[in-house]
Amino acid sequence: MKNRLRHGGKLLFWGILCGIFWILFTGCGVEEVSNPKKFIYEVLDEGVTIHGYKGKAKKLVIPAEIEGKPVVKISSNAFFELEEIVEEIELPDTVTQLEDQAFISLRALKRIALPDSVTQIGFSAFEWCDSLEEVTLPQNMTQIPERMFVSCKSLKTVEIPEQVEVIGGGAFMTSGLTEITIPDSVKRIEGQAFEGCVDLTRVTMGNNVEVIGQWAFWECGFHELFLPESITEIQDNAFTGPPNELTFYVGENQVVNEYGARYGIPRKNPEEMETIS
């Protein structure tokens, strides 16, 4: 009996010890980081730019201040070496700029919220973030940058802020979107914005869109689309035509009618559309 207890005690001891080592070396799966010593950074007059991180955290908490100055910028490819590790990033409301490709290829990243303090976002900010499921955009942004969410296969929907006027070229190309609402503030949807979104079956189009760029909705999954009277230009191959059975629901808009006739896309009156799908 004593031998059995002694043996059990040894197992418990080694189990606890292994657990401690696991926590120390892996962060037990969730390592919250705000220690400036773990970041690679540059202190400038206007504030601090983050260039990288030296740890192996699954959750990064970017500090609001380093050496008495606010953290204001995330540089290009800042966390590239963590592409298969980091799952969540928490940004302080001191950050104002994300450089081009700031979070590109973070393939394990699942969620991030961009604070309203962010006023500048470069192109391809989240391109190839395959696991990205949740993203919150700054409410004051006026443009979805070019190629922002290219190939974000796990991204099913995004709430586009009410101030956005332009959806940039290739912004959501080949992403996993299943539905999207384009607010009334949007005036331009640039080329390839939603190209290859084969799972996109529901589009709610704003009432003030004027221009739809080339290949903007090519090879998308919806079969019906309401288009507003505000449309003034639809560029070549903006939509996939037959045999995809696409139908436009629009009033007497000459631009839409001419495009539909050229590509064999039938038109119906908006009141005939029971649901937008």
C-alpha atoms as a PDB file:
ATOM      1  CA  MET A   1       0.000   0.000   0.000  1.00  0.00           C
ATOM      2  CA  LYS A   2       2.820   2.402   0.924  1.00  0.00           C
ATOM      3  CA  ASN A   3       4.685   1.553  -2.285  1.00  0.00           C
ATOM      4  CA  ARG A   4       1.548   2.287  -4.265  1.00  0.00           C
ATOM      5  CA  LEU A   5       1.093   5.654  -2.539  1.00  0.00           C
ATOM      6  CA  ARG A   6       4.768   6.471  -3.014  1.00  0.00           C
ATOM      7  CA  HIS A   7       4.505   5.601  -6.708  1.00  0.00           C
ATOM      8  CA  GLY A   8       1.357   7.719  -7.061  1.00  0.00           C
ATOM      9  CA  GLY A   9       3.087  10.640  -5.355  1.00  0.00           C
ATOM     10  CA  LYS A  10       5.979  10.472  -7.816  1.00  0.00           C
ATOM     11  CA  LEU A  11       3.575  10.492 -10.740  1.00  0.00           C
ATOM     12  CA  LEU A  12       1.787  13.515  -9.290  1.00  0.00           C
ATOM     13  CA  PHE A  13       5.088  15.336  -8.738  1.00  0.00           C
ATOM     14  CA  TRP A  14       6.305  14.707 -12.280  1.00  0.00           C
ATOM     15  CA  GLY A  15       2.893  15.629 -13.680  1.00  0.00           C
ATOM     16  CA  ILE A  16       2.948  18.998 -11.906  1.00  0.00           C
ATOM     17  CA  LEU A  17       6.553  19.604 -12.980  1.00  0.00           C
ATOM     18  CA  CYS A  18       5.763  18.831 -16.605  1.00  0.00           C
ATOM     19  CA  GLY A  19       2.756  21.134 -16.389  1.00  0.00           C
ATOM     20  CA  ILE A  20       4.946  23.983 -15.157  1.00  0.00           C
ATOM     21  CA  PHE A  21       7.417  23.466 -18.001  1.00  0.00           C
ATOM     22  CA  TRP A  22       4.535  23.345 -20.487  1.00  0.00           C
ATOM     23  CA  ILE A  23       3.213  26.680 -19.246  1.00  0.00           C
ATOM     24  CA  LEU A  24       6.670  28.269 -19.333  1.00  0.00           C
ATOM     25  CA  PHE A  25       7.564  27.129 -22.822  1.00  0.00           C
ATOM     26  CA  THR A  26       4.211  27.154 -24.604  1.00  0.00           C
ATOM     27  CA  GLY A  27       2.177  29.691 -22.700  1.00  0.00           C
ATOM     28  CA  CYS A  28      -0.400  26.916 -22.212  1.00  0.00           C
ATOM     29  CA  GLY A  29      -1.854  27.955 -25.566  1.00  0.00           C
ATOM     30  CA  VAL A  30      -2.650  31.556 -24.550  1.00  0.00           C
ATOM     31  CA  GLU A  31       0.210  33.887 -23.738  1.00  0.00           C
ATOM     32  CA  GLU A  32      -0.914  37.476 -23.278  1.00  0.00           C
ATOM     33  CA  VAL A  33       1.959  39.802 -24.093  1.00  0.00           C
ATOM     34  CA  SER A  34       2.385  43.444 -23.256  1.00  0.00           C
ATOM     35  CA  ASN A  35       6.007  43.391 -22.093  1.00  0.00           C
ATOM     36  CA  PRO A  36       7.882  45.934 -24.275  1.00  0.00           C
ATOM     37  CA  LYS A  37      11.098  43.909 -23.934  1.00  0.00           C
ATOM     38  CA  LYS A  38       9.585  41.198 -26.131  1.00  0.00           C
ATOM     39  CA  PHE A  39       8.904  43.600 -29.009  1.00  0.00           C
ATOM     40  CA  ILE A  40      11.224  44.907 -31.680  1.00  0.00           C
ATOM     41  CA  TYR A  41      10.469  48.612 -31.981  1.00  0.00           C
ATOM     42  CA  GLU A  42      11.706  52.017 -33.025  1.00  0.00           C
ATOM     43  CA  VAL A  43      11.176  55.200 -31.032  1.00  0.00           C
ATOM     44  CA  LEU A  44      10.554  58.277 -33.187  1.00  0.00           C
ATOM     45  CA  ASP A  45       9.418  61.823 -32.419  1.00  0.00           C
ATOM     46  CA  GLU A  46       5.805  61.051 -33.276  1.00  0.00           C
ATOM     47  CA  GLY A  47       5.738  57.788 -31.334  1.00  0.00           C
ATOM     48  CA  VAL A  48       6.762  54.142 -31.436  1.00  0.00           C
ATOM     49  CA  THR A  49       6.696  51.841 -34.466  1.00  0.00           C
ATOM     50  CA  ILE A  50       6.415  48.096 -33.820  1.00  0.00           C
ATOM     51  CA  HIS A  51       8.642  46.072 -36.163  1.00  0.00           C
ATOM     52  CA  GLY A  52       8.360  42.601 -34.634  1.00  0.00           C
ATOM     53  CA  TYR A  53       8.000  40.320 -31.645  1.00  0.00           C
ATOM     54  CA  LYS A  54      10.579  37.929 -30.193  1.00  0.00           C
ATOM     55  CA  GLY A  55       8.281  35.504 -28.378  1.00  0.00           C
ATOM     56  CA  LYS A  56       5.920  32.675 -29.349  1.00  0.00           C
ATOM     57  CA  ALA A  57       2.603  34.031 -28.112  1.00  0.00           C
ATOM     58  CA  LYS A  58      -0.744  32.918 -29.463  1.00  0.00           C
ATOM     59  CA  LYS A  59      -2.300  36.146 -28.226  1.00  0.00           C
ATOM     60  CA  LEU A  60      -0.428  39.415 -28.688  1.00  0.00           C
ATOM     61  CA  VAL A  61      -1.368  42.411 -26.596  1.00  0.00           C
ATOM     62  CA  ILE A  62       0.387  45.395 -28.135  1.00  0.00           C
ATOM     63  CA  PRO A  63       1.424  47.869 -25.409  1.00  0.00           C
ATOM     64  CA  ALA A  64      -0.028  51.375 -25.592  1.00  0.00           C
ATOM     65  CA  GLU A  65       3.250  52.977 -24.541  1.00  0.00           C
ATOM     66  CA  ILE A  66       6.966  52.197 -24.746  1.00  0.00           C
ATOM     67  CA  GLU A  67       9.689  54.354 -23.238  1.00  0.00           C
ATOM     68  CA  GLY A  68       7.169  57.051 -22.419  1.00  0.00           C
ATOM     69  CA  LYS A  69       5.874  57.383 -26.003  1.00  0.00           C
ATOM     70  CA  PRO A  70       2.633  56.063 -27.535  1.00  0.00           C
ATOM     71  CA  VAL A  71       2.698  53.098 -29.892  1.00  0.00           C
ATOM     72  CA  VAL A  72       1.357  54.595 -33.137  1.00  0.00           C
ATOM     73  CA  LYS A  73       2.359  52.318 -36.005  1.00  0.00           C
ATOM     74  CA  ILE A  74       2.635  48.644 -37.005  1.00  0.00           C
ATOM     75  CA  SER A  75       5.211  48.184 -39.764  1.00  0.00           C
ATOM     76  CA  SER A  76       5.059  45.912 -42.809  1.00  0.00           C
ATOM     77  CA  ASN A  77       5.345  42.170 -42.078  1.00  0.00           C
ATOM     78  CA  ALA A  78       5.847  42.965 -38.391  1.00  0.00           C
ATOM     79  CA  PHE A  79       4.816  39.496 -37.186  1.00  0.00           C
ATOM     80  CA  PHE A  80       5.666  37.433 -40.256  1.00  0.00           C
ATOM     81  CA  GLU A  81       7.672  34.894 -38.224  1.00  0.00           C
ATOM     82  CA  LEU A  82       4.539  34.150 -36.181  1.00  0.00           C
ATOM     83  CA  GLU A  83       2.477  33.182 -39.236  1.00  0.00           C
ATOM     84  CA  GLU A  84       1.578  29.747 -37.839  1.00  0.00           C
ATOM     85  CA  ILE A  85       1.386  30.817 -34.178  1.00  0.00           C
ATOM     86  CA  VAL A  86      -0.492  34.028 -33.365  1.00  0.00           C
ATOM     87  CA  GLU A  87      -4.280  33.591 -33.150  1.00  0.00           C
ATOM     88  CA  GLU A  88      -5.379  36.930 -31.735  1.00  0.00           C
ATOM     89  CA  ILE A  89      -3.990  40.468 -31.696  1.00  0.00           C
ATOM     90  CA  GLU A  90      -5.141  43.231 -29.377  1.00  0.00           C
ATOM     91  CA  LEU A  91      -4.274  46.766 -30.495  1.00  0.00           C
ATOM     92  CA  PRO A  92      -4.313  49.815 -28.204  1.00  0.00           C
ATOM     93  CA  ASP A  93      -6.253  52.941 -29.156  1.00  0.00           C
ATOM     94  CA  THR A  94      -2.976  54.787 -29.648  1.00  0.00           C
ATOM     95  CA  VAL A  95      -2.280  53.056 -32.972  1.00  0.00           C
ATOM     96  CA  THR A  96      -3.048  55.253 -35.983  1.00  0.00           C
ATOM     97  CA  GLN A  97      -1.342  53.477 -38.882  1.00  0.00           C
ATOM     98  CA  LEU A  98      -0.958  49.969 -40.290  1.00  0.00           C
ATOM     99  CA  GLU A  99       1.667  49.888 -43.029  1.00  0.00           C
ATOM    100  CA  ASP A 100       1.318  47.846 -46.235  1.00  0.00           C
ATOM    101  CA  GLN A 101       1.012  44.105 -45.509  1.00  0.00           C
ATOM    102  CA  ALA A 102       1.056  44.731 -41.754  1.00  0.00           C
ATOM    103  CA  PHE A 103      -0.506  41.345 -40.907  1.00  0.00           C
ATOM    104  CA  ILE A 104      -0.057  39.499 -44.202  1.00  0.00           C
ATOM    105  CA  SER A 105       0.140  35.681 -44.085  1.00  0.00           C
ATOM    106  CA  LEU A 106      -0.684  35.314 -40.385  1.00  0.00           C
ATOM    107  CA  ARG A 107      -2.338  32.019 -41.219  1.00  0.00           C
ATOM    108  CA  ALA A 108      -3.343  31.177 -37.641  1.00  0.00           C
ATOM    109  CA  LEU A 109      -4.882  34.598 -36.881  1.00  0.00           C
ATOM    110  CA  LYS A 110      -8.561  34.194 -35.972  1.00  0.00           C
ATOM    111  CA  ARG A 111      -9.665  37.543 -34.586  1.00  0.00           C
ATOM    112  CA  ILE A 112      -8.639  41.169 -34.410  1.00  0.00           C
ATOM    113  CA  ALA A 113     -10.368  44.476 -33.693  1.00  0.00           C
ATOM    114  CA  LEU A 114      -8.973  47.649 -35.225  1.00  0.00           C
ATOM    115  CA  PRO A 115      -9.588  50.608 -32.880  1.00  0.00           C
ATOM    116  CA  ASP A 116     -11.201  53.775 -34.189  1.00  0.00           C
ATOM    117  CA  SER A 117      -7.861  55.527 -33.746  1.00  0.00           C
ATOM    118  CA  VAL A 118      -6.571  53.751 -36.890  1.00  0.00           C
ATOM    119  CA  THR A 119      -6.840  56.202 -39.790  1.00  0.00           C
ATOM    120  CA  GLN A 120      -4.317  54.748 -42.267  1.00  0.00           C
ATOM    121  CA  ILE A 121      -4.300  51.143 -43.498  1.00  0.00           C
ATOM    122  CA  GLY A 122      -1.966  49.989 -46.251  1.00  0.00           C
ATOM    123  CA  PHE A 123      -2.738  47.444 -48.966  1.00  0.00           C
ATOM    124  CA  SER A 124      -2.897  43.684 -48.320  1.00  0.00           C
ATOM    125  CA  ALA A 125      -3.215  44.230 -44.570  1.00  0.00           C
ATOM    126  CA  PHE A 126      -4.706  40.745 -43.958  1.00  0.00           C
ATOM    127  CA  GLU A 127      -3.986  38.973 -47.244  1.00  0.00           C
ATOM    128  CA  TRP A 128      -3.659  35.179 -46.853  1.00  0.00           C
ATOM    129  CA  CYS A 129      -4.873  35.209 -43.243  1.00  0.00           C
ATOM    130  CA  ASP A 130      -6.606  31.886 -43.893  1.00  0.00           C
ATOM    131  CA  SER A 131      -8.060  31.420 -40.389  1.00  0.00           C
ATOM    132  CA  LEU A 132      -9.396  34.957 -39.865  1.00  0.00           C
ATOM    133  CA  GLU A 133     -12.997  34.697 -38.666  1.00  0.00           C
ATOM    134  CA  GLU A 134     -13.694  37.945 -36.815  1.00  0.00           C
ATOM    135  CA  VAL A 135     -12.555  41.446 -37.683  1.00  0.00           C
ATOM    136  CA  THR A 136     -13.846  44.791 -36.455  1.00  0.00           C
ATOM    137  CA  LEU A 137     -13.065  47.781 -38.648  1.00  0.00           C
ATOM    138  CA  PRO A 138     -12.620  51.403 -37.503  1.00  0.00           C
ATOM    139  CA  GLN A 139     -15.958  53.198 -37.656  1.00  0.00           C
ATOM    140  CA  ASN A 140     -14.429  56.306 -39.192  1.00  0.00           C
ATOM    141  CA  MET A 141     -12.683  54.628 -42.134  1.00  0.00           C
ATOM    142  CA  THR A 142     -13.696  55.908 -45.581  1.00  0.00           C
ATOM    143  CA  GLN A 143     -12.134  53.228 -47.779  1.00  0.00           C
ATOM    144  CA  ILE A 144     -11.555  49.480 -47.653  1.00  0.00           C
ATOM    145  CA  PRO A 145      -7.930  49.321 -48.874  1.00  0.00           C
ATOM    146  CA  GLU A 146      -6.787  47.310 -51.874  1.00  0.00           C
ATOM    147  CA  ARG A 147      -6.450  43.551 -51.338  1.00  0.00           C
ATOM    148  CA  MET A 148      -7.225  43.932 -47.643  1.00  0.00           C
ATOM    149  CA  PHE A 149      -8.796  40.470 -47.192  1.00  0.00           C
ATOM    150  CA  VAL A 150      -7.568  38.480 -50.207  1.00  0.00           C
ATOM    151  CA  SER A 151      -7.878  34.717 -49.634  1.00  0.00           C
ATOM    152  CA  CYS A 152      -9.257  35.050 -46.093  1.00  0.00           C
ATOM    153  CA  LYS A 153     -11.090  31.745 -46.522  1.00  0.00           C
ATOM    154  CA  SER A 154     -12.599  31.628 -43.017  1.00  0.00           C
ATOM    155  CA  LEU A 155     -14.062  35.142 -43.177  1.00  0.00           C
ATOM    156  CA  LYS A 156     -17.822  34.737 -43.695  1.00  0.00           C
ATOM    157  CA  THR A 157     -19.026  38.311 -43.208  1.00  0.00           C
ATOM    158  CA  VAL A 158     -17.683  41.767 -42.388  1.00  0.00           C
ATOM    159  CA  GLU A 159     -19.558  44.796 -41.135  1.00  0.00           C
ATOM    160  CA  ILE A 160     -18.527  47.632 -43.431  1.00  0.00           C
ATOM    161  CA  PRO A 161     -18.595  50.948 -41.519  1.00  0.00           C
ATOM    162  CA  GLU A 162     -21.181  53.534 -42.528  1.00  0.00           C
ATOM    163  CA  GLN A 163     -18.495  56.066 -43.522  1.00  0.00           C
ATOM    164  CA  VAL A 164     -16.891  53.909 -46.235  1.00  0.00           C
ATOM    165  CA  GLU A 165     -17.187  55.428 -49.720  1.00  0.00           C
ATOM    166  CA  VAL A 166     -14.856  53.134 -51.698  1.00  0.00           C
ATOM    167  CA  ILE A 167     -14.308  49.390 -51.610  1.00  0.00           C
ATOM    168  CA  GLY A 168     -10.810  49.035 -53.017  1.00  0.00           C
ATOM    169  CA  GLY A 169      -9.603  46.803 -55.793  1.00  0.00           C
ATOM    170  CA  GLY A 170      -9.415  43.133 -54.817  1.00  0.00           C
ATOM    171  CA  ALA A 171     -10.471  43.999 -51.255  1.00  0.00           C
ATOM    172  CA  PHE A 172     -12.266  40.672 -50.617  1.00  0.00           C
ATOM    173  CA  MET A 173     -11.057  38.670 -53.624  1.00  0.00           C
ATOM    174  CA  THR A 174     -11.319  34.861 -53.201  1.00  0.00           C
ATOM    175  CA  SER A 175     -12.330  35.253 -49.563  1.00  0.00           C
ATOM    176  CA  GLY A 176     -14.873  33.033 -47.804  1.00  0.00           C
ATOM    177  CA  LEU A 177     -17.640  35.640 -47.647  1.00  0.00           C
ATOM    178  CA  THR A 178     -21.161  34.231 -47.648  1.00  0.00           C
ATOM    179  CA  GLU A 179     -22.982  37.554 -47.259  1.00  0.00           C
ATOM    180  CA  ILE A 180     -22.169  41.244 -47.342  1.00  0.00           C
ATOM    181  CA  THR A 181     -24.097  44.469 -46.807  1.00  0.00           C
ATOM    182  CA  ILE A 182     -22.792  47.432 -48.740  1.00  0.00           C
ATOM    183  CA  PRO A 183     -23.893  50.591 -46.902  1.00  0.00           C
ATOM    184  CA  ASP A 184     -25.470  53.614 -48.580  1.00  0.00           C
ATOM    185  CA  SER A 185     -22.238  55.565 -48.088  1.00  0.00           C
ATOM    186  CA  VAL A 186     -20.413  53.461 -50.706  1.00  0.00           C
ATOM    187  CA  LYS A 187     -20.119  55.091 -54.129  1.00  0.00           C
ATOM    188  CA  ARG A 188     -17.424  52.972 -55.813  1.00  0.00           C
ATOM    189  CA  ILE A 189     -16.767  49.231 -55.854  1.00  0.00           C
ATOM    190  CA  GLU A 190     -13.439  48.898 -57.593  1.00  0.00           C
ATOM    191  CA  GLY A 191     -12.156  46.125 -59.852  1.00  0.00           C
ATOM    192  CA  GLN A 192     -11.952  42.571 -58.502  1.00  0.00           C
ATOM    193  CA  ALA A 193     -13.327  43.703 -55.132  1.00  0.00           C
ATOM    194  CA  PHE A 194     -15.295  40.455 -54.652  1.00  0.00           C
ATOM    195  CA  GLU A 195     -13.924  38.368 -57.522  1.00  0.00           C
ATOM    196  CA  GLY A 196     -13.919  34.641 -56.862  1.00  0.00           C
ATOM    197  CA  CYS A 197     -16.098  34.794 -53.725  1.00  0.00           C
ATOM    198  CA  VAL A 198     -17.850  31.595 -54.766  1.00  0.00           C
ATOM    199  CA  ASP A 199     -19.719  31.262 -51.459  1.00  0.00           C
ATOM    200  CA  LEU A 200     -21.104  34.816 -51.594  1.00  0.00           C
ATOM    201  CA  THR A 201     -24.833  34.156 -51.968  1.00  0.00           C
ATOM    202  CA  ARG A 202     -26.330  37.253 -50.350  1.00  0.00           C
ATOM    203  CA  VAL A 203     -25.451  40.832 -51.325  1.00  0.00           C
ATOM    204  CA  THR A 204     -27.391  43.804 -49.990  1.00  0.00           C
ATOM    205  CA  MET A 205     -26.429  46.696 -52.238  1.00  0.00           C
ATOM    206  CA  GLY A 206     -26.469  50.287 -50.986  1.00  0.00           C
ATOM    207  CA  ASN A 207     -28.634  52.907 -52.660  1.00  0.00           C
ATOM    208  CA  ASN A 208     -25.834  55.247 -53.740  1.00  0.00           C
ATOM    209  CA  VAL A 209     -23.343  53.034 -55.590  1.00  0.00           C
ATOM    210  CA  GLU A 210     -22.260  54.767 -58.800  1.00  0.00           C
ATOM    211  CA  VAL A 211     -19.384  52.715 -60.231  1.00  0.00           C
ATOM    212  CA  ILE A 212     -18.791  48.952 -60.290  1.00  0.00           C
ATOM    213  CA  GLY A 213     -15.329  48.045 -61.541  1.00  0.00           C
ATOM    214  CA  GLN A 214     -14.061  45.368 -63.892  1.00  0.00           C
ATOM    215  CA  TRP A 215     -14.369  41.799 -62.549  1.00  0.00           C
ATOM    216  CA  ALA A 216     -15.776  43.215 -59.267  1.00  0.00           C
ATOM    217  CA  PHE A 217     -18.264  40.346 -58.758  1.00  0.00           C
ATOM    218  CA  TRP A 218     -16.885  37.785 -61.191  1.00  0.00           C
ATOM    219  CA  GLU A 219     -17.550  34.165 -60.207  1.00  0.00           C
ATOM    220  CA  CYS A 220     -19.604  34.989 -57.127  1.00  0.00           C
ATOM    221  CA  GLY A 221     -22.331  32.674 -55.852  1.00  0.00           C
ATOM    222  CA  PHE A 222     -25.438  34.901 -55.907  1.00  0.00           C
ATOM    223  CA  HIS A 223     -28.131  34.624 -58.583  1.00  0.00           C
ATOM    224  CA  GLU A 224     -30.136  37.781 -57.861  1.00  0.00           C
ATOM    225  CA  LEU A 225     -28.916  41.316 -57.303  1.00  0.00           C
ATOM    226  CA  PHE A 226     -30.672  44.595 -56.635  1.00  0.00           C
ATOM    227  CA  LEU A 227     -28.900  47.516 -58.311  1.00  0.00           C
ATOM    228  CA  PRO A 228     -29.760  51.128 -57.407  1.00  0.00           C
ATOM    229  CA  GLU A 229     -30.769  53.889 -59.804  1.00  0.00           C
ATOM    230  CA  SER A 230     -27.554  55.705 -58.862  1.00  0.00           C
ATOM    231  CA  ILE A 231     -25.403  53.416 -61.083  1.00  0.00           C
ATOM    232  CA  THR A 232     -23.546  55.437 -63.732  1.00  0.00           C
ATOM    233  CA  GLU A 233     -20.884  52.936 -64.816  1.00  0.00           C
ATOM    234  CA  ILE A 234     -20.472  49.162 -64.901  1.00  0.00           C
ATOM    235  CA  GLN A 235     -17.108  48.111 -66.306  1.00  0.00           C
ATOM    236  CA  ASP A 236     -16.474  45.045 -68.474  1.00  0.00           C
ATOM    237  CA  ASN A 237     -17.014  41.619 -66.876  1.00  0.00           C
ATOM    238  CA  ALA A 238     -18.098  43.133 -63.556  1.00  0.00           C
ATOM    239  CA  PHE A 239     -20.531  40.209 -63.156  1.00  0.00           C
ATOM    240  CA  THR A 240     -20.559  36.611 -64.316  1.00  0.00           C
ATOM    241  CA  GLY A 241     -23.244  36.200 -66.942  1.00  0.00           C
ATOM    242  CA  PRO A 242     -24.876  33.021 -68.289  1.00  0.00           C
ATOM    243  CA  PRO A 243     -24.913  30.148 -67.534  1.00  0.00           C
ATOM    244  CA  ASN A 244     -24.985  31.393 -63.917  1.00  0.00           C
ATOM    245  CA  GLU A 245     -28.631  32.515 -64.150  1.00  0.00           C
ATOM    246  CA  LEU A 246     -27.958  35.955 -62.736  1.00  0.00           C
ATOM    247  CA  THR A 247     -30.876  38.394 -62.677  1.00  0.00           C
ATOM    248  CA  PHE A 248     -30.665  42.146 -62.119  1.00  0.00           C
ATOM    249  CA  TYR A 249     -33.440  43.835 -60.167  1.00  0.00           C
ATOM    250  CA  VAL A 250     -33.400  47.489 -61.170  1.00  0.00           C
ATOM    251  CA  GLY A 251     -35.648  50.300 -62.387  1.00  0.00           C
ATOM    252  CA  GLU A 252     -35.224  52.076 -65.692  1.00  0.00           C
ATOM    253  CA  ASN A 253     -31.443  52.502 -65.471  1.00  0.00           C
ATOM    254  CA  GLN A 254     -29.953  52.714 -68.958  1.00  0.00           C
ATOM    255  CA  VAL A 255     -26.419  51.729 -67.864  1.00  0.00           C
ATOM    256  CA  VAL A 256     -27.619  48.567 -66.133  1.00  0.00           C
ATOM    257  CA  ASN A 257     -29.993  47.686 -68.950  1.00  0.00           C
ATOM    258  CA  GLU A 258     -27.273  48.070 -71.590  1.00  0.00           C
ATOM    259  CA  TYR A 259     -24.825  45.983 -69.562  1.00  0.00           C
ATOM    260  CA  GLY A 260     -27.447  43.267 -69.031  1.00  0.00           C
ATOM    261  CA  ALA A 261     -28.275  43.182 -72.731  1.00  0.00           C
ATOM    262  CA  ARG A 262     -24.590  42.912 -73.661  1.00  0.00           C
ATOM    263  CA  TYR A 263     -23.920  40.017 -71.294  1.00  0.00           C
ATOM    264  CA  GLY A 264     -27.276  38.262 -71.506  1.00  0.00           C
ATOM    265  CA  ILE A 265     -28.367  39.097 -67.941  1.00  0.00           C
ATOM    266  CA  PRO A 266     -32.154  39.572 -67.605  1.00  0.00           C
ATOM    267  CA  ARG A 267     -33.700  42.500 -65.720  1.00  0.00           C
ATOM    268  CA  LYS A 268     -36.742  42.567 -63.464  1.00  0.00           C
ATOM    269  CA  ASN A 269     -38.395  45.317 -61.491  1.00  0.00           C
ATOM    270  CA  PRO A 270     -37.278  45.629 -57.843  1.00  0.00           C
ATOM    271  CA  GLU A 271     -40.805  44.997 -56.540  1.00  0.00           C
ATOM    272  CA  GLU A 272     -40.636  41.496 -58.042  1.00  0.00           C
ATOM    273  CA  MET A 273     -37.776  40.608 -55.733  1.00  0.00           C
ATOM    274  CA  GLU A 274     -39.129  38.975 -52.602  1.00  0.00           C
ATOM    275  CA  THR A 275     -35.764  38.470 -50.956  1.00  0.00           C
ATOM    276  CA  ILE A 276     -32.213  39.605 -51.635  1.00  0.00           C
ATOM    277  CA  SER A 277     -30.143  36.467 -51.889  1.00  0.00           C
END
